């Protein structure tokens, strides 16, 4: 059973970016979006104008300075490799979103990093959310995973930019 990470978030966070579950490489490095071909950090660095080569903790601080939180829908699951399609549906344990939203009351928007995060959230989280949290703005964005190469980095960047700065 793989176990995910705690959220990158402070009490001022307004946007929560949700992935499904950290990749094998992310779990090994204990860093969100650690695969070198994942577009997440290049997109964030470009959007928020910071150096992509900053160390991980500083990149996380840069996101927090822009009121961005990062987490995953799944707290734990069994999966062969890193692909979302290989997650064993019977093993999925979702994170406690009611507690998260109570501790981060400024969250206004949920951005799903890909379809799996959105689908698991809607199927396994929404029904258990306290009523005020069910009305948060939500949008699915193209996955930054290297497994989703149908769109270029520039195409993904423009969609993420529009979602974050609309």
N, C-alpha and C. Protein backbone atom coordinates (compact mmCIF):
# COMPACT_ATOMS: atom_id res chain seq x y z
N UNK A 1 0.86 -1.18 0.00
CA UNK A 1 0.00 0.00 0.00
C UNK A 1 0.89 1.24 0.00
N UNK A 2 0.70 2.11 -0.98
CA UNK A 2 1.42 3.37 -1.04
C UNK A 2 0.65 4.43 -0.27
N UNK A 3 1.37 5.28 0.45
CA UNK A 3 0.76 6.36 1.21
C UNK A 3 1.26 7.69 0.69
N UNK A 4 0.34 8.62 0.47
CA UNK A 4 0.67 9.93 -0.06
C UNK A 4 1.26 10.86 0.98
N UNK A 5 1.27 12.13 0.65
CA UNK A 5 1.91 13.16 1.47
C UNK A 5 0.88 14.04 2.16
N UNK A 6 1.36 14.80 3.14
CA UNK A 6 0.54 15.87 3.69
C UNK A 6 0.46 16.98 2.65
N UNK A 7 -0.47 17.85 2.82
CA UNK A 7 -0.67 18.94 1.86
C UNK A 7 0.42 19.99 1.98
N UNK A 8 0.70 20.63 0.86
CA UNK A 8 1.47 21.88 0.85
C UNK A 8 0.41 22.95 0.98
N UNK A 9 0.29 23.57 2.13
CA UNK A 9 -0.78 24.54 2.32
C UNK A 9 -0.53 25.36 3.57
N UNK A 10 -0.93 26.62 3.50
CA UNK A 10 -0.98 27.41 4.72
C UNK A 10 -2.40 27.93 4.87
N UNK A 11 -2.66 28.63 5.95
CA UNK A 11 -4.04 29.03 6.26
C UNK A 11 -4.61 30.05 5.28
N UNK A 12 -3.76 30.68 4.46
CA UNK A 12 -4.23 31.69 3.50
C UNK A 12 -4.56 31.11 2.12
N UNK A 13 -4.38 29.82 1.94
CA UNK A 13 -4.58 29.20 0.62
C UNK A 13 -5.98 29.47 0.09
N UNK A 14 -6.04 29.84 -1.18
CA UNK A 14 -7.33 30.10 -1.84
C UNK A 14 -7.64 29.07 -2.92
N UNK A 15 -6.59 28.48 -3.48
CA UNK A 15 -6.75 27.49 -4.55
C UNK A 15 -6.10 26.19 -4.11
N UNK A 16 -6.82 25.09 -4.24
CA UNK A 16 -6.28 23.77 -3.92
C UNK A 16 -6.14 22.98 -5.22
N UNK A 17 -4.90 22.66 -5.57
CA UNK A 17 -4.62 21.82 -6.73
C UNK A 17 -4.55 20.38 -6.27
N UNK A 18 -5.38 19.53 -6.87
CA UNK A 18 -5.48 18.14 -6.44
C UNK A 18 -5.03 17.17 -7.52
N UNK A 19 -4.05 16.36 -7.18
CA UNK A 19 -3.67 15.23 -8.01
C UNK A 19 -4.39 14.00 -7.50
N UNK A 20 -4.09 12.87 -8.08
CA UNK A 20 -4.70 11.61 -7.63
C UNK A 20 -3.87 10.99 -6.52
N UNK A 21 -2.62 10.66 -6.84
CA UNK A 21 -1.70 9.98 -5.92
C UNK A 21 -0.29 10.22 -6.44
N UNK A 22 0.69 10.44 -5.54
CA UNK A 22 2.07 10.66 -6.02
C UNK A 22 2.59 9.47 -6.82
N UNK A 23 3.41 9.77 -7.81
CA UNK A 23 4.04 8.73 -8.62
C UNK A 23 5.07 7.97 -7.79
N UNK A 24 5.55 6.87 -8.33
CA UNK A 24 6.60 6.10 -7.67
C UNK A 24 7.81 6.99 -7.40
N UNK A 25 8.21 7.76 -8.41
CA UNK A 25 9.38 8.63 -8.25
C UNK A 25 9.13 9.70 -7.19
N UNK A 26 7.93 10.25 -7.15
CA UNK A 26 7.59 11.24 -6.13
C UNK A 26 7.65 10.62 -4.74
N UNK A 27 7.11 9.42 -4.61
CA UNK A 27 7.15 8.73 -3.31
C UNK A 27 8.59 8.47 -2.88
N UNK A 28 9.44 8.06 -3.81
CA UNK A 28 10.84 7.80 -3.48
C UNK A 28 11.55 9.08 -3.04
N UNK A 29 11.26 10.19 -3.70
CA UNK A 29 11.93 11.45 -3.38
C UNK A 29 11.19 12.26 -2.32
N UNK A 30 9.99 11.81 -1.94
CA UNK A 30 9.16 12.52 -0.96
C UNK A 30 8.90 13.96 -1.40
N UNK A 31 8.54 14.11 -2.68
CA UNK A 31 8.25 15.41 -3.26
C UNK A 31 7.09 15.28 -4.25
N UNK A 32 6.17 16.23 -4.18
CA UNK A 32 5.11 16.27 -5.18
C UNK A 32 5.71 16.51 -6.56
N UNK A 33 5.21 15.79 -7.55
CA UNK A 33 5.55 15.99 -8.96
C UNK A 33 7.06 15.94 -9.21
N UNK A 34 7.70 14.89 -8.70
CA UNK A 34 9.16 14.77 -8.77
C UNK A 34 9.67 14.22 -10.10
N UNK A 35 8.81 13.58 -10.89
CA UNK A 35 9.28 13.04 -12.17
C UNK A 35 9.80 14.19 -13.03
N UNK A 36 11.00 14.06 -13.58
CA UNK A 36 11.61 15.18 -14.32
C UNK A 36 10.82 15.63 -15.55
N UNK A 37 9.97 14.75 -16.09
CA UNK A 37 9.17 15.14 -17.25
C UNK A 37 7.76 15.59 -16.89
N UNK A 38 7.43 15.61 -15.59
CA UNK A 38 6.12 16.11 -15.19
C UNK A 38 6.13 17.63 -15.40
N UNK A 39 5.07 18.15 -15.98
CA UNK A 39 5.01 19.57 -16.33
C UNK A 39 4.57 20.47 -15.18
N UNK A 40 4.24 19.89 -14.02
CA UNK A 40 3.69 20.72 -12.94
C UNK A 40 4.63 21.85 -12.54
N UNK A 41 5.86 21.50 -12.17
CA UNK A 41 6.78 22.55 -11.69
C UNK A 41 7.17 23.52 -12.79
N UNK A 42 7.42 23.08 -14.03
CA UNK A 42 7.67 24.07 -15.08
C UNK A 42 6.51 25.04 -15.29
N UNK A 43 5.28 24.54 -15.21
CA UNK A 43 4.11 25.42 -15.36
C UNK A 43 4.03 26.38 -14.19
N UNK A 44 4.18 25.89 -12.96
CA UNK A 44 4.09 26.76 -11.79
C UNK A 44 5.19 27.82 -11.81
N UNK A 45 6.41 27.42 -12.16
CA UNK A 45 7.53 28.37 -12.21
C UNK A 45 7.25 29.48 -13.22
N UNK A 46 6.70 29.11 -14.34
CA UNK A 46 6.40 30.10 -15.38
C UNK A 46 5.24 31.00 -14.96
N UNK A 47 4.20 30.42 -14.36
CA UNK A 47 3.04 31.21 -13.93
C UNK A 47 3.40 32.20 -12.84
N UNK A 48 4.20 31.75 -11.88
CA UNK A 48 4.47 32.58 -10.70
C UNK A 48 5.87 33.18 -10.72
N UNK A 49 6.53 33.06 -11.86
CA UNK A 49 7.80 33.74 -12.12
C UNK A 49 8.87 33.44 -11.06
N UNK A 50 9.12 32.13 -10.87
CA UNK A 50 10.24 31.74 -10.02
C UNK A 50 11.13 30.77 -10.78
N UNK A 51 12.35 30.63 -10.31
CA UNK A 51 13.35 29.79 -10.96
C UNK A 51 13.01 28.32 -10.73
N UNK A 52 12.87 27.60 -11.81
CA UNK A 52 12.55 26.17 -11.73
C UNK A 52 13.62 25.39 -10.99
N UNK A 53 14.83 25.90 -10.93
CA UNK A 53 15.93 25.19 -10.28
C UNK A 53 16.01 25.43 -8.78
N UNK A 54 15.08 26.19 -8.22
CA UNK A 54 15.05 26.36 -6.77
C UNK A 54 14.84 25.00 -6.12
N UNK A 55 15.31 24.86 -4.88
CA UNK A 55 15.10 23.58 -4.20
C UNK A 55 13.61 23.38 -3.93
N UNK A 56 13.26 22.15 -3.63
CA UNK A 56 11.85 21.77 -3.49
C UNK A 56 11.13 22.60 -2.43
N UNK A 57 11.72 22.76 -1.26
CA UNK A 57 11.02 23.49 -0.20
C UNK A 57 10.79 24.95 -0.58
N UNK A 58 11.72 25.55 -1.31
CA UNK A 58 11.55 26.93 -1.75
C UNK A 58 10.46 27.03 -2.81
N UNK A 59 10.39 26.05 -3.71
CA UNK A 59 9.31 26.05 -4.71
C UNK A 59 7.95 25.93 -4.01
N UNK A 60 7.89 25.10 -2.97
CA UNK A 60 6.64 24.97 -2.21
C UNK A 60 6.28 26.29 -1.54
N UNK A 61 7.27 26.98 -0.99
CA UNK A 61 7.03 28.29 -0.38
C UNK A 61 6.51 29.30 -1.40
N UNK A 62 7.05 29.24 -2.61
CA UNK A 62 6.59 30.15 -3.67
C UNK A 62 5.10 29.92 -3.97
N UNK A 63 4.69 28.67 -3.99
CA UNK A 63 3.27 28.40 -4.21
C UNK A 63 2.43 28.97 -3.07
N UNK A 64 2.88 28.75 -1.85
CA UNK A 64 2.14 29.26 -0.69
C UNK A 64 2.06 30.78 -0.71
N UNK A 65 3.12 31.45 -1.16
CA UNK A 65 3.10 32.91 -1.25
C UNK A 65 2.04 33.40 -2.24
N UNK A 66 1.66 32.54 -3.16
CA UNK A 66 0.63 32.88 -4.13
C UNK A 66 -0.72 32.23 -3.79
N UNK A 67 -0.86 31.81 -2.54
CA UNK A 67 -2.11 31.25 -2.02
C UNK A 67 -2.54 29.96 -2.72
N UNK A 68 -1.54 29.18 -3.13
CA UNK A 68 -1.80 27.90 -3.78
C UNK A 68 -1.48 26.77 -2.81
N UNK A 69 -2.39 25.82 -2.71
CA UNK A 69 -2.17 24.60 -1.92
C UNK A 69 -2.13 23.42 -2.89
N UNK A 70 -1.40 22.38 -2.51
CA UNK A 70 -1.27 21.18 -3.33
C UNK A 70 -1.52 19.97 -2.44
N UNK A 71 -2.31 19.04 -2.94
CA UNK A 71 -2.59 17.82 -2.20
C UNK A 71 -3.03 16.77 -3.20
N UNK A 72 -3.34 15.58 -2.72
CA UNK A 72 -3.86 14.52 -3.56
C UNK A 72 -5.20 14.07 -3.00
N UNK A 73 -6.05 13.59 -3.87
CA UNK A 73 -7.35 13.08 -3.43
C UNK A 73 -7.16 11.82 -2.59
N UNK A 74 -6.23 10.97 -3.01
CA UNK A 74 -6.01 9.71 -2.29
C UNK A 74 -4.96 9.85 -1.20
N UNK A 75 -5.30 9.33 -0.05
CA UNK A 75 -4.34 9.24 1.05
C UNK A 75 -3.46 8.02 0.87
N UNK A 76 -4.06 6.94 0.36
CA UNK A 76 -3.32 5.69 0.16
C UNK A 76 -4.04 4.83 -0.87
N UNK A 77 -3.27 3.95 -1.50
CA UNK A 77 -3.84 3.00 -2.45
C UNK A 77 -2.79 1.97 -2.83
N UNK A 78 -3.24 0.91 -3.47
CA UNK A 78 -2.32 -0.05 -4.08
C UNK A 78 -2.31 0.21 -5.57
N UNK A 79 -1.12 0.22 -6.13
CA UNK A 79 -0.98 0.52 -7.55
C UNK A 79 0.32 -0.09 -8.06
N UNK A 80 0.25 -0.70 -9.22
CA UNK A 80 1.45 -1.18 -9.90
C UNK A 80 2.00 -0.02 -10.71
N UNK A 81 3.22 0.41 -10.44
CA UNK A 81 3.82 1.52 -11.17
C UNK A 81 3.20 2.84 -10.79
N UNK A 82 3.22 3.78 -11.73
CA UNK A 82 2.77 5.14 -11.44
C UNK A 82 1.48 5.55 -12.13
N UNK A 83 1.00 4.74 -13.07
CA UNK A 83 -0.16 5.14 -13.86
C UNK A 83 -1.44 5.09 -13.04
N UNK A 84 -2.26 6.15 -13.17
CA UNK A 84 -3.55 6.20 -12.48
C UNK A 84 -4.43 5.01 -12.84
N UNK A 85 -4.36 4.55 -14.08
CA UNK A 85 -5.21 3.44 -14.51
C UNK A 85 -4.89 2.15 -13.76
N UNK A 86 -3.74 2.09 -13.11
CA UNK A 86 -3.34 0.88 -12.37
C UNK A 86 -3.70 0.94 -10.89
N UNK A 87 -4.39 1.99 -10.46
CA UNK A 87 -4.81 2.07 -9.06
C UNK A 87 -5.91 1.04 -8.83
N UNK A 88 -5.73 0.22 -7.80
CA UNK A 88 -6.73 -0.77 -7.42
C UNK A 88 -7.88 -0.03 -6.73
N UNK A 89 -9.02 0.02 -7.38
CA UNK A 89 -10.16 0.78 -6.87
C UNK A 89 -10.60 0.31 -5.48
N UNK A 90 -10.41 -0.96 -5.19
CA UNK A 90 -10.82 -1.49 -3.88
C UNK A 90 -9.87 -1.10 -2.76
N UNK A 91 -8.71 -0.57 -3.11
CA UNK A 91 -7.72 -0.22 -2.09
C UNK A 91 -7.70 1.27 -1.77
N UNK A 92 -8.49 2.06 -2.47
CA UNK A 92 -8.40 3.52 -2.34
C UNK A 92 -8.90 4.01 -0.98
N UNK A 93 -8.08 4.85 -0.36
CA UNK A 93 -8.46 5.55 0.87
C UNK A 93 -8.29 7.03 0.57
N UNK A 94 -9.38 7.80 0.69
CA UNK A 94 -9.32 9.22 0.36
C UNK A 94 -8.90 10.04 1.58
N UNK A 95 -8.33 11.20 1.29
CA UNK A 95 -7.95 12.13 2.35
C UNK A 95 -9.18 12.73 3.02
N UNK A 96 -9.00 13.29 4.21
CA UNK A 96 -10.08 13.89 4.98
C UNK A 96 -10.27 15.35 4.55
N UNK A 97 -11.12 15.55 3.59
CA UNK A 97 -11.32 16.90 3.05
C UNK A 97 -12.13 17.79 3.97
N UNK A 98 -13.05 17.24 4.76
CA UNK A 98 -13.77 18.09 5.71
C UNK A 98 -12.80 18.74 6.69
N UNK A 99 -11.88 17.96 7.21
CA UNK A 99 -10.88 18.51 8.14
C UNK A 99 -9.99 19.53 7.44
N UNK A 100 -9.57 19.20 6.22
CA UNK A 100 -8.70 20.12 5.48
C UNK A 100 -9.40 21.46 5.26
N UNK A 101 -10.64 21.43 4.78
CA UNK A 101 -11.35 22.68 4.50
C UNK A 101 -11.65 23.46 5.77
N UNK A 102 -11.86 22.78 6.89
CA UNK A 102 -12.07 23.48 8.15
C UNK A 102 -10.80 24.22 8.58
N UNK A 103 -9.63 23.63 8.31
CA UNK A 103 -8.36 24.25 8.68
C UNK A 103 -7.86 25.24 7.63
N UNK A 104 -8.49 25.25 6.47
CA UNK A 104 -8.10 26.15 5.37
C UNK A 104 -9.37 26.82 4.83
N UNK A 105 -9.97 27.68 5.66
CA UNK A 105 -11.29 28.24 5.31
C UNK A 105 -11.28 29.21 4.13
N UNK A 106 -10.11 29.62 3.68
CA UNK A 106 -10.04 30.56 2.55
C UNK A 106 -10.10 29.88 1.19
N UNK A 107 -10.06 28.54 1.17
CA UNK A 107 -10.11 27.82 -0.12
C UNK A 107 -11.40 28.17 -0.84
N UNK A 108 -11.25 28.61 -2.09
CA UNK A 108 -12.40 28.99 -2.91
C UNK A 108 -12.53 28.14 -4.17
N UNK A 109 -11.41 27.52 -4.57
CA UNK A 109 -11.40 26.84 -5.86
C UNK A 109 -10.60 25.55 -5.77
N UNK A 110 -11.13 24.51 -6.41
CA UNK A 110 -10.43 23.23 -6.54
C UNK A 110 -10.06 23.05 -8.00
N UNK A 111 -8.78 22.79 -8.25
CA UNK A 111 -8.31 22.52 -9.61
C UNK A 111 -7.77 21.10 -9.64
N UNK A 112 -8.36 20.26 -10.47
CA UNK A 112 -7.96 18.86 -10.55
C UNK A 112 -6.88 18.71 -11.61
N UNK A 113 -5.76 18.14 -11.21
CA UNK A 113 -4.66 17.89 -12.13
C UNK A 113 -4.95 16.56 -12.83
N UNK A 114 -5.84 16.61 -13.81
CA UNK A 114 -6.20 15.42 -14.56
C UNK A 114 -7.53 14.82 -14.16
N UNK A 115 -7.99 13.90 -14.99
CA UNK A 115 -9.31 13.31 -14.83
C UNK A 115 -9.45 12.36 -13.67
N UNK A 116 -8.43 11.59 -13.36
CA UNK A 116 -8.53 10.61 -12.27
C UNK A 116 -8.79 11.32 -10.95
N UNK A 117 -8.08 12.41 -10.69
CA UNK A 117 -8.27 13.16 -9.45
C UNK A 117 -9.72 13.64 -9.34
N UNK A 118 -10.23 14.20 -10.44
CA UNK A 118 -11.61 14.69 -10.43
C UNK A 118 -12.60 13.55 -10.23
N UNK A 119 -12.42 12.46 -10.95
CA UNK A 119 -13.36 11.34 -10.86
C UNK A 119 -13.39 10.73 -9.46
N UNK A 120 -12.23 10.51 -8.87
CA UNK A 120 -12.19 9.93 -7.52
C UNK A 120 -12.81 10.90 -6.52
N UNK A 121 -12.52 12.18 -6.66
CA UNK A 121 -13.10 13.19 -5.77
C UNK A 121 -14.63 13.16 -5.85
N UNK A 122 -15.15 13.16 -7.06
CA UNK A 122 -16.61 13.20 -7.23
C UNK A 122 -17.28 11.90 -6.79
N UNK A 123 -16.59 10.77 -6.97
CA UNK A 123 -17.18 9.48 -6.62
C UNK A 123 -17.04 9.14 -5.14
N UNK A 124 -15.95 9.59 -4.50
CA UNK A 124 -15.65 9.12 -3.15
C UNK A 124 -15.55 10.21 -2.09
N UNK A 125 -15.51 11.46 -2.50
CA UNK A 125 -15.33 12.54 -1.52
C UNK A 125 -16.58 13.40 -1.39
N UNK A 126 -17.15 13.82 -2.51
CA UNK A 126 -18.24 14.80 -2.49
C UNK A 126 -19.39 14.36 -1.59
N UNK A 127 -19.77 13.11 -1.67
CA UNK A 127 -20.93 12.65 -0.89
C UNK A 127 -20.72 12.78 0.62
N UNK A 128 -19.46 12.80 1.06
CA UNK A 128 -19.17 12.91 2.49
C UNK A 128 -18.75 14.31 2.92
N UNK A 129 -18.76 15.26 1.99
CA UNK A 129 -18.38 16.62 2.34
C UNK A 129 -19.48 17.31 3.12
N UNK A 130 -19.09 18.13 4.08
CA UNK A 130 -20.05 18.97 4.77
C UNK A 130 -20.62 19.96 3.76
N UNK A 131 -21.86 20.37 3.96
CA UNK A 131 -22.59 21.15 2.96
C UNK A 131 -21.85 22.39 2.46
N UNK A 132 -21.25 23.23 3.32
CA UNK A 132 -20.62 24.44 2.77
C UNK A 132 -19.47 24.14 1.80
N UNK A 133 -18.86 22.99 1.92
CA UNK A 133 -17.70 22.67 1.08
C UNK A 133 -18.10 22.12 -0.29
N UNK A 134 -19.36 21.72 -0.42
CA UNK A 134 -19.82 21.14 -1.69
C UNK A 134 -19.95 22.19 -2.79
N UNK A 135 -19.99 23.46 -2.41
CA UNK A 135 -20.23 24.52 -3.41
C UNK A 135 -18.95 25.20 -3.89
N UNK A 136 -17.79 24.68 -3.52
CA UNK A 136 -16.53 25.27 -3.99
C UNK A 136 -16.43 25.15 -5.51
N UNK A 137 -15.89 26.18 -6.13
CA UNK A 137 -15.65 26.16 -7.57
C UNK A 137 -14.69 25.02 -7.91
N UNK A 138 -14.97 24.30 -9.00
CA UNK A 138 -14.14 23.16 -9.40
C UNK A 138 -13.87 23.20 -10.90
N UNK A 139 -12.66 22.78 -11.27
CA UNK A 139 -12.32 22.67 -12.69
C UNK A 139 -11.30 21.57 -12.89
N UNK A 140 -11.49 20.80 -13.97
CA UNK A 140 -10.50 19.78 -14.34
C UNK A 140 -9.54 20.40 -15.35
N UNK A 141 -8.25 20.26 -15.07
CA UNK A 141 -7.21 20.77 -15.96
C UNK A 141 -6.47 19.59 -16.58
N UNK A 142 -5.77 19.83 -17.69
CA UNK A 142 -5.02 18.73 -18.28
C UNK A 142 -3.93 18.24 -17.33
N UNK A 143 -3.81 16.95 -17.25
CA UNK A 143 -2.80 16.35 -16.37
C UNK A 143 -1.41 16.82 -16.77
N UNK A 144 -0.60 17.10 -15.76
CA UNK A 144 0.80 17.48 -16.00
C UNK A 144 1.70 16.26 -16.11
N UNK A 145 1.14 15.08 -15.94
CA UNK A 145 1.91 13.84 -16.00
C UNK A 145 2.52 13.64 -17.38
N UNK A 146 3.75 13.09 -17.42
CA UNK A 146 4.34 12.78 -18.73
C UNK A 146 3.57 11.71 -19.49
N UNK A 147 2.72 10.95 -18.81
CA UNK A 147 1.90 9.93 -19.48
C UNK A 147 0.80 10.57 -20.33
N UNK A 148 0.52 11.83 -20.10
CA UNK A 148 -0.52 12.55 -20.84
C UNK A 148 0.14 13.56 -21.77
N UNK A 149 0.58 13.09 -22.90
CA UNK A 149 1.37 13.91 -23.83
C UNK A 149 0.56 14.40 -25.02
N UNK A 150 -0.76 14.29 -24.96
CA UNK A 150 -1.58 14.72 -26.09
C UNK A 150 -1.50 16.23 -26.30
N UNK A 151 -1.21 16.96 -25.21
CA UNK A 151 -1.07 18.41 -25.31
C UNK A 151 0.37 18.79 -25.00
N UNK A 152 0.83 19.83 -25.66
CA UNK A 152 2.20 20.30 -25.42
C UNK A 152 2.26 21.05 -24.09
N UNK A 153 3.47 21.28 -23.62
CA UNK A 153 3.67 22.06 -22.40
C UNK A 153 3.04 23.44 -22.55
N UNK A 154 3.21 24.08 -23.69
CA UNK A 154 2.64 25.41 -23.91
C UNK A 154 1.11 25.38 -23.89
N UNK A 155 0.52 24.34 -24.47
CA UNK A 155 -0.94 24.22 -24.44
C UNK A 155 -1.44 24.04 -23.01
N UNK A 156 -0.77 23.18 -22.26
CA UNK A 156 -1.15 22.97 -20.87
C UNK A 156 -0.98 24.26 -20.07
N UNK A 157 0.14 24.94 -20.29
CA UNK A 157 0.41 26.20 -19.58
C UNK A 157 -0.73 27.19 -19.78
N UNK A 158 -1.19 27.37 -21.00
CA UNK A 158 -2.24 28.34 -21.28
C UNK A 158 -3.55 27.98 -20.57
N UNK A 159 -3.86 26.71 -20.51
CA UNK A 159 -5.09 26.27 -19.83
C UNK A 159 -4.96 26.48 -18.32
N UNK A 160 -3.80 26.12 -17.76
CA UNK A 160 -3.57 26.33 -16.33
C UNK A 160 -3.58 27.83 -16.01
N UNK A 161 -2.98 28.63 -16.88
CA UNK A 161 -2.94 30.08 -16.67
C UNK A 161 -4.36 30.65 -16.61
N UNK A 162 -5.18 30.24 -17.54
CA UNK A 162 -6.56 30.73 -17.58
C UNK A 162 -7.32 30.34 -16.31
N UNK A 163 -7.12 29.11 -15.84
CA UNK A 163 -7.82 28.64 -14.64
C UNK A 163 -7.38 29.40 -13.39
N UNK A 164 -6.09 29.71 -13.31
CA UNK A 164 -5.57 30.37 -12.11
C UNK A 164 -5.73 31.88 -12.12
N UNK A 165 -5.85 32.47 -13.30
CA UNK A 165 -5.89 33.93 -13.38
C UNK A 165 -7.13 34.45 -14.10
N UNK A 166 -8.20 33.69 -14.06
CA UNK A 166 -9.43 34.12 -14.75
C UNK A 166 -10.04 35.34 -14.10
